[in-house]
N, C-alpha and C. Protein backbone atom coordinates (compact mmCIF):
# COMPACT_ATOMS: atom_id res chain seq x y z
N MET A 1 17.34 -23.42 18.01
CA MET A 1 17.48 -21.77 17.78
C MET A 1 17.14 -21.68 16.67
N ALA A 2 17.06 -22.18 15.68
CA ALA A 2 16.28 -21.78 14.12
C ALA A 2 14.83 -21.91 14.13
N MET A 3 14.41 -22.84 15.31
CA MET A 3 12.61 -22.70 15.25
C MET A 3 12.47 -21.67 16.17
N LEU A 4 13.28 -20.77 16.85
CA LEU A 4 12.60 -19.58 17.40
C LEU A 4 12.95 -18.60 16.54
N ALA A 5 13.59 -18.50 15.64
CA ALA A 5 13.98 -17.40 14.58
C ALA A 5 13.21 -17.38 13.44
N SER A 6 12.22 -18.80 13.39
CA SER A 6 11.31 -18.92 12.49
C SER A 6 10.00 -18.48 12.91
N ALA A 7 9.79 -18.76 13.95
CA ALA A 7 8.55 -18.49 14.78
C ALA A 7 8.54 -17.22 15.26
N ALA A 8 9.32 -16.26 15.34
CA ALA A 8 9.54 -15.00 15.23
C ALA A 8 9.21 -14.07 13.92
N ARG A 9 9.50 -15.06 13.02
CA ARG A 9 9.47 -14.37 11.42
C ARG A 9 7.83 -13.49 11.35
N PRO A 10 6.85 -14.80 11.25
CA PRO A 10 5.73 -13.72 10.76
C PRO A 10 5.22 -12.55 11.91
N ASP A 11 5.70 -12.69 13.11
CA ASP A 11 5.59 -11.33 13.81
C ASP A 11 5.92 -10.38 13.27
N ASP A 12 7.24 -10.00 13.00
CA ASP A 12 7.97 -9.40 12.13
C ASP A 12 7.55 -8.71 10.83
N ALA A 13 7.23 -10.06 10.39
CA ALA A 13 6.49 -9.13 8.87
C ALA A 13 5.53 -8.58 9.21
N SER A 14 4.68 -8.72 9.87
CA SER A 14 3.04 -8.29 10.50
C SER A 14 3.79 -6.73 10.67
N ARG A 15 4.60 -6.78 11.83
CA ARG A 15 4.98 -5.38 12.27
C ARG A 15 5.66 -4.42 10.93
N VAL A 16 6.90 -4.83 10.45
CA VAL A 16 7.23 -4.04 9.47
C VAL A 16 6.20 -3.83 8.08
N LEU A 17 5.56 -4.61 7.94
CA LEU A 17 4.09 -4.05 6.59
C LEU A 17 3.16 -3.08 7.47
N GLY A 18 2.77 -3.35 8.68
CA GLY A 18 2.24 -2.16 9.36
C GLY A 18 3.03 -0.69 9.04
N GLU A 19 3.86 -0.88 9.67
CA GLU A 19 4.86 0.28 9.73
C GLU A 19 5.17 0.97 8.24
N ALA A 20 5.45 -0.17 7.32
CA ALA A 20 5.16 0.70 6.06
C ALA A 20 4.03 0.79 5.61
N ILE A 21 2.96 0.37 5.36
CA ILE A 21 1.51 1.01 5.30
C ILE A 21 1.75 2.37 6.06
N ALA A 22 2.01 2.59 7.03
CA ALA A 22 1.49 3.74 7.60
C ALA A 22 2.43 4.68 7.46
N ARG A 23 3.67 4.45 6.86
CA ARG A 23 4.84 5.35 6.08
C ARG A 23 4.20 5.69 4.90
N ILE A 24 3.46 4.80 4.10
CA ILE A 24 2.38 5.13 2.87
C ILE A 24 1.52 6.13 2.91
N ALA A 25 0.82 5.68 3.62
CA ALA A 25 -0.41 6.65 4.40
C ALA A 25 0.07 8.20 4.56
N ARG A 26 1.16 8.37 5.12
CA ARG A 26 1.78 9.65 5.58
C ARG A 26 2.39 10.20 4.59
N PHE A 27 3.18 9.61 3.60
CA PHE A 27 3.63 10.14 2.29
C PHE A 27 2.51 10.66 1.35
N TRP A 28 1.48 9.72 1.38
CA TRP A 28 0.58 10.07 0.24
C TRP A 28 -0.52 10.74 0.71
N ASN A 29 -0.53 11.37 2.32
CA ASN A 29 -1.45 11.87 2.20
C ASN A 29 -2.85 11.18 2.80
N LEU A 30 -2.87 10.09 2.87
CA LEU A 30 -4.07 9.09 2.78
C LEU A 30 -4.92 9.30 4.23
N SER A 31 -5.97 9.53 4.57
CA SER A 31 -6.90 9.30 5.43
C SER A 31 -7.17 7.77 6.00
N ASN A 32 -7.10 7.93 7.56
CA ASN A 32 -7.37 6.29 7.90
C ASN A 32 -8.68 5.93 7.12
N ALA A 33 -9.84 6.74 6.60
CA ALA A 33 -10.64 6.19 5.75
C ALA A 33 -10.20 5.49 4.46
N GLN A 34 -9.73 6.34 3.85
CA GLN A 34 -8.95 6.08 2.73
C GLN A 34 -8.03 5.16 2.47
N THR A 35 -6.93 5.00 3.29
CA THR A 35 -6.33 3.98 3.76
C THR A 35 -6.97 2.13 4.16
N GLY A 36 -8.05 2.52 5.07
CA GLY A 36 -8.70 1.30 5.32
C GLY A 36 -9.86 0.91 4.32
N ALA A 37 -10.10 1.81 3.28
CA ALA A 37 -10.88 1.27 2.01
C ALA A 37 -9.87 0.75 1.28
N ILE A 38 -8.71 0.89 0.90
CA ILE A 38 -7.86 0.27 0.42
C ILE A 38 -7.72 -1.89 0.76
N LEU A 39 -7.37 -1.05 2.23
CA LEU A 39 -7.20 -2.58 2.93
C LEU A 39 -8.12 -3.31 3.32
N GLY A 40 -9.53 -2.75 3.14
CA GLY A 40 -10.76 -3.60 3.63
C GLY A 40 -10.82 -3.62 5.30
N LEU A 41 -10.12 -2.59 5.55
CA LEU A 41 -10.03 -2.23 7.17
C LEU A 41 -11.02 -0.71 7.71
N SER A 42 -11.63 -0.80 8.87
CA SER A 42 -12.42 0.13 9.00
C SER A 42 -11.42 1.34 9.80
N ALA A 43 -11.44 2.44 9.70
CA ALA A 43 -10.83 3.42 9.70
C ALA A 43 -10.23 3.86 10.95
N PRO A 44 -10.98 3.09 12.38
CA PRO A 44 -10.57 3.14 13.41
C PRO A 44 -9.11 1.89 13.63
N THR A 45 -9.55 1.31 13.10
CA THR A 45 -8.32 -0.19 13.20
C THR A 45 -7.27 0.50 12.39
N VAL A 46 -7.42 1.27 10.97
CA VAL A 46 -6.08 1.84 10.79
C VAL A 46 -5.56 2.56 11.36
N SER A 47 -6.36 3.76 12.49
CA SER A 47 -5.74 4.12 12.72
C SER A 47 -4.78 3.71 14.19
N ARG A 48 -5.23 2.40 14.31
CA ARG A 48 -4.76 1.63 15.47
C ARG A 48 -3.49 1.15 14.79
N LEU A 49 -3.50 0.61 13.61
CA LEU A 49 -2.05 0.39 12.93
C LEU A 49 -1.34 1.61 12.54
N ARG A 50 -1.67 2.93 12.40
CA ARG A 50 -0.58 3.69 12.25
C ARG A 50 -0.07 4.11 13.70
N ALA A 51 -0.78 3.71 14.70
CA ALA A 51 -0.10 3.93 15.91
C ALA A 51 0.55 2.76 16.61
N GLY A 52 0.62 1.75 15.75
CA GLY A 52 1.39 0.63 16.50
C GLY A 52 0.80 0.15 17.13
N GLN A 53 -0.45 -0.36 17.64
CA GLN A 53 -1.49 -0.59 18.49
C GLN A 53 -2.26 -2.16 17.90
N TRP A 54 -1.92 -2.07 16.61
CA TRP A 54 -2.67 -3.24 16.02
C TRP A 54 -1.62 -3.69 14.57
N ARG A 55 -1.54 -5.05 14.62
CA ARG A 55 -1.15 -5.70 13.27
C ARG A 55 -1.90 -6.13 12.16
N LEU A 56 -1.46 -6.30 11.02
CA LEU A 56 -1.75 -6.97 10.12
C LEU A 56 -1.77 -8.53 10.12
N GLU A 57 -2.72 -9.52 10.06
CA GLU A 57 -2.55 -10.61 10.38
C GLU A 57 -1.91 -11.57 8.90
N ARG A 58 -1.15 -11.70 9.26
CA ARG A 58 -0.11 -13.24 7.98
C ARG A 58 -1.52 -14.05 7.55
N GLY A 59 -1.26 -13.65 5.56
CA GLY A 59 -2.59 -14.61 5.33
C GLY A 59 -3.79 -14.16 5.16
N SER A 60 -4.21 -12.88 5.88
CA SER A 60 -5.48 -12.37 5.99
C SER A 60 -5.80 -11.73 4.25
N LYS A 61 -6.92 -11.19 4.35
CA LYS A 61 -6.70 -10.18 3.16
C LYS A 61 -6.27 -8.58 3.37
N PRO A 62 -6.30 -8.27 4.47
CA PRO A 62 -5.51 -6.90 4.78
C PRO A 62 -4.39 -6.93 4.57
N PHE A 63 -3.56 -8.22 4.68
CA PHE A 63 -2.13 -8.40 5.19
C PHE A 63 -1.89 -8.21 3.34
N GLU A 64 -2.54 -9.16 2.41
CA GLU A 64 -2.43 -9.13 1.38
C GLU A 64 -2.61 -8.20 0.32
N LEU A 65 -3.73 -6.92 0.83
CA LEU A 65 -3.65 -5.67 -0.24
C LEU A 65 -2.53 -4.97 0.18
N ALA A 66 -2.74 -5.08 1.85
CA ALA A 66 -1.09 -4.29 2.04
C ALA A 66 0.08 -4.81 1.43
N GLN A 67 0.35 -5.52 0.96
CA GLN A 67 1.57 -6.40 0.57
C GLN A 67 1.47 -5.33 -1.13
N HIS A 68 0.18 -5.59 -1.71
CA HIS A 68 0.00 -5.01 -3.08
C HIS A 68 0.04 -3.49 -3.34
N LEU A 69 -0.50 -2.92 -1.82
CA LEU A 69 0.09 -1.05 -2.07
C LEU A 69 1.38 -1.21 -1.82
N LEU A 70 1.94 -1.90 -0.73
CA LEU A 70 3.67 -1.55 -0.92
C LEU A 70 3.85 -1.72 -2.07
N ARG A 71 3.74 -2.82 -3.05
CA ARG A 71 4.53 -2.95 -4.40
C ARG A 71 4.02 -1.67 -5.14
N LEU A 72 2.66 -1.22 -4.89
CA LEU A 72 2.48 -0.21 -5.96
C LEU A 72 3.52 1.27 -5.20
N PHE A 73 3.66 1.00 -4.19
CA PHE A 73 4.57 2.24 -3.32
C PHE A 73 5.87 2.28 -4.25
N ARG A 74 6.36 1.35 -4.38
CA ARG A 74 7.87 1.13 -4.46
C ARG A 74 7.97 1.13 -5.97
N SER A 75 6.79 0.92 -6.62
CA SER A 75 7.03 0.86 -8.23
C SER A 75 6.86 2.48 -8.26
N LEU A 76 5.78 3.04 -7.87
CA LEU A 76 5.64 4.48 -8.32
C LEU A 76 6.97 5.09 -7.77
N ASP A 77 7.31 4.86 -6.17
CA ASP A 77 8.58 5.53 -5.95
C ASP A 77 9.70 5.37 -7.05
N SER A 78 9.83 4.37 -7.50
CA SER A 78 11.29 4.32 -8.32
C SER A 78 11.17 5.05 -9.53
N TRP A 79 9.67 4.62 -10.10
CA TRP A 79 9.55 5.72 -11.35
C TRP A 79 9.31 6.72 -11.33
N LEU A 80 9.38 7.25 -10.36
CA LEU A 80 9.25 8.88 -9.75
C LEU A 80 10.42 9.36 -9.21
N GLY A 81 11.02 8.60 -8.96
CA GLY A 81 12.54 9.38 -8.20
C GLY A 81 12.54 10.07 -7.00
N GLN A 82 11.53 8.97 -6.30
CA GLN A 82 11.52 9.34 -4.70
C GLN A 82 10.94 10.75 -4.61
N ASP A 83 9.81 11.03 -5.29
CA ASP A 83 9.27 12.32 -5.43
C ASP A 83 7.78 12.13 -4.35
N ASP A 84 7.66 12.38 -3.57
CA ASP A 84 6.35 11.72 -2.70
C ASP A 84 5.10 13.23 -3.22
N ALA A 85 5.50 14.51 -3.66
CA ALA A 85 4.95 15.44 -4.28
C ALA A 85 4.22 15.06 -5.52
N ALA A 86 5.20 14.51 -6.60
CA ALA A 86 5.01 13.64 -7.82
C ALA A 86 4.17 12.61 -7.84
N ALA A 87 4.44 11.55 -6.79
CA ALA A 87 3.38 10.61 -6.43
C ALA A 87 1.91 11.00 -6.04
N ARG A 88 1.67 11.81 -5.16
CA ARG A 88 0.82 12.20 -4.85
C ARG A 88 -0.35 13.42 -5.80
N SER A 89 0.71 13.72 -6.88
CA SER A 89 -0.04 14.49 -7.92
C SER A 89 -0.82 13.31 -8.77
N TRP A 90 0.63 12.20 -9.62
CA TRP A 90 -0.01 11.25 -9.94
C TRP A 90 -1.26 10.70 -9.45
N LEU A 91 -1.20 10.32 -8.72
CA LEU A 91 -2.51 9.34 -7.85
C LEU A 91 -3.62 10.19 -8.13
N ALA A 92 -3.93 11.56 -7.72
CA ALA A 92 -4.95 12.48 -7.59
C ALA A 92 -4.93 12.82 -9.25
N THR A 93 -4.63 12.56 -10.39
CA THR A 93 -4.62 12.87 -11.60
C THR A 93 -5.60 11.92 -12.17
N PRO A 94 -6.62 12.01 -13.04
CA PRO A 94 -7.44 11.12 -13.67
C PRO A 94 -6.17 10.77 -14.91
N ASN A 95 -6.37 9.19 -14.95
CA ASN A 95 -5.62 8.65 -16.12
C ASN A 95 -6.18 8.31 -17.01
N LEU A 96 -5.78 8.65 -18.24
CA LEU A 96 -6.66 8.24 -19.59
C LEU A 96 -6.76 6.86 -19.91
N ASP A 97 -5.50 6.03 -19.20
CA ASP A 97 -5.36 4.47 -19.55
C ASP A 97 -6.43 4.03 -18.82
N LEU A 98 -6.12 4.48 -17.27
CA LEU A 98 -6.60 3.38 -16.52
C LEU A 98 -8.19 3.63 -16.47
N GLY A 99 -8.57 4.82 -16.92
CA GLY A 99 -10.03 5.67 -17.20
C GLY A 99 -10.67 6.39 -15.70
N ASP A 100 -9.74 6.77 -14.87
CA ASP A 100 -10.42 7.24 -13.72
C ASP A 100 -8.91 7.52 -13.13
N ALA A 101 -8.69 8.52 -11.97
CA ALA A 101 -7.82 9.09 -11.11
C ALA A 101 -7.18 7.67 -10.36
N PRO A 102 -6.15 7.27 -10.15
CA PRO A 102 -5.64 6.15 -9.59
C PRO A 102 -5.84 5.89 -8.52
N ILE A 103 -5.86 7.43 -6.98
CA ILE A 103 -6.57 7.17 -5.86
C ILE A 103 -7.91 6.29 -5.83
N ALA A 104 -8.40 6.94 -6.90
CA ALA A 104 -10.13 6.36 -6.76
C ALA A 104 -10.26 5.27 -6.77
N LEU A 105 -9.03 4.59 -8.02
CA LEU A 105 -9.32 3.08 -8.50
C LEU A 105 -8.48 2.32 -7.34
N ILE A 106 -7.70 2.41 -6.57
CA ILE A 106 -7.00 1.47 -5.67
C ILE A 106 -7.92 1.33 -4.24
N ALA A 107 -9.21 1.80 -4.28
CA ALA A 107 -9.89 1.65 -3.29
C ALA A 107 -10.64 0.39 -3.63
N SER A 108 -10.61 -0.51 -4.91
CA SER A 108 -10.73 -1.28 -5.17
C SER A 108 -9.92 -2.68 -5.39
N VAL A 109 -10.29 -4.14 -4.78
CA VAL A 109 -8.94 -4.66 -5.18
C VAL A 109 -8.20 -4.98 -6.80
N ARG A 110 -9.55 -4.96 -7.68
CA ARG A 110 -8.95 -5.15 -9.01
C ARG A 110 -8.87 -3.54 -9.32
N GLY A 111 -8.70 -2.44 -8.92
CA GLY A 111 -7.96 -1.57 -9.33
C GLY A 111 -6.77 -1.32 -8.84
N LEU A 112 -6.38 -1.87 -7.52
CA LEU A 112 -5.23 -1.78 -6.79
C LEU A 112 -4.28 -2.56 -7.90
N LEU A 113 -4.45 -3.88 -7.81
CA LEU A 113 -4.40 -4.68 -8.53
C LEU A 113 -3.72 -4.10 -10.11
N ARG A 114 -4.46 -3.38 -10.93
CA ARG A 114 -4.45 -3.09 -12.17
C ARG A 114 -3.41 -1.66 -11.98
N THR A 115 -3.78 -0.82 -10.94
CA THR A 115 -2.87 -0.14 -11.00
C THR A 115 -1.44 -0.13 -10.53
N ALA A 116 -1.12 -1.21 -9.97
CA ALA A 116 0.21 -1.61 -9.76
C ALA A 116 0.59 -2.32 -10.81
N ASP A 117 0.00 -3.10 -11.70
CA ASP A 117 0.52 -3.47 -12.93
C ASP A 117 0.80 -2.17 -13.65
N TYR A 118 0.33 -1.32 -14.19
CA TYR A 118 -0.06 -0.56 -15.12
C TYR A 118 1.70 0.41 -14.92
N VAL A 119 1.57 0.80 -13.37
CA VAL A 119 3.05 1.20 -13.18
C VAL A 119 4.26 0.46 -13.30
N ASP A 120 4.18 -1.05 -13.03
CA ASP A 120 4.99 -1.55 -13.51
C ASP A 120 5.11 -1.82 -14.90
N ALA A 121 4.59 -1.72 -15.76
CA ALA A 121 4.86 -1.69 -16.60
C ALA A 121 5.34 -0.02 -17.52
N LEU A 122 4.83 0.55 -16.85
CA LEU A 122 5.28 1.88 -17.27
C LEU A 122 6.97 1.69 -17.19
N ARG A 123 7.44 0.99 -15.72
CA ARG A 123 8.55 1.31 -15.64
C ARG A 123 9.51 0.47 -16.30
N ALA A 124 9.05 -0.65 -16.84
CA ALA A 124 9.72 -2.17 -17.70
C ALA A 124 10.08 -1.27 -19.32
N ARG A 125 9.35 -0.04 -19.43
CA ARG A 125 9.60 0.55 -20.89
C ARG A 125 11.11 0.60 -21.10
N VAL A 126 11.46 0.34 -22.34
CA VAL A 126 12.98 0.43 -22.96
C VAL A 126 12.95 1.36 -23.81
């Protein structure tokens, strides 16, 4: 019985992460092309992901990037008190520390990780 539970787990992780990414894209008003640029996927693939017709493959680069996007979302959501409008505004506003608007930066792996680290550091201030 334990083998059956562990066998279903990777599929659940892909489904749950895909649903989370679809919600993030909706909350932040990200187009399929923008979401695809962040995850390294085509816009049509993101469309299928958002519709639940395609899943991220565990261990793949898009899966890992989706995890980092989720990390950024959770950190930003916590820091801004679950205010989606404030998050969209923060993402679109040029940031002197980061050197550009975060929404432009997160389309690259380095920018996504740097932005997530930056928000984590802001949250950690005492």
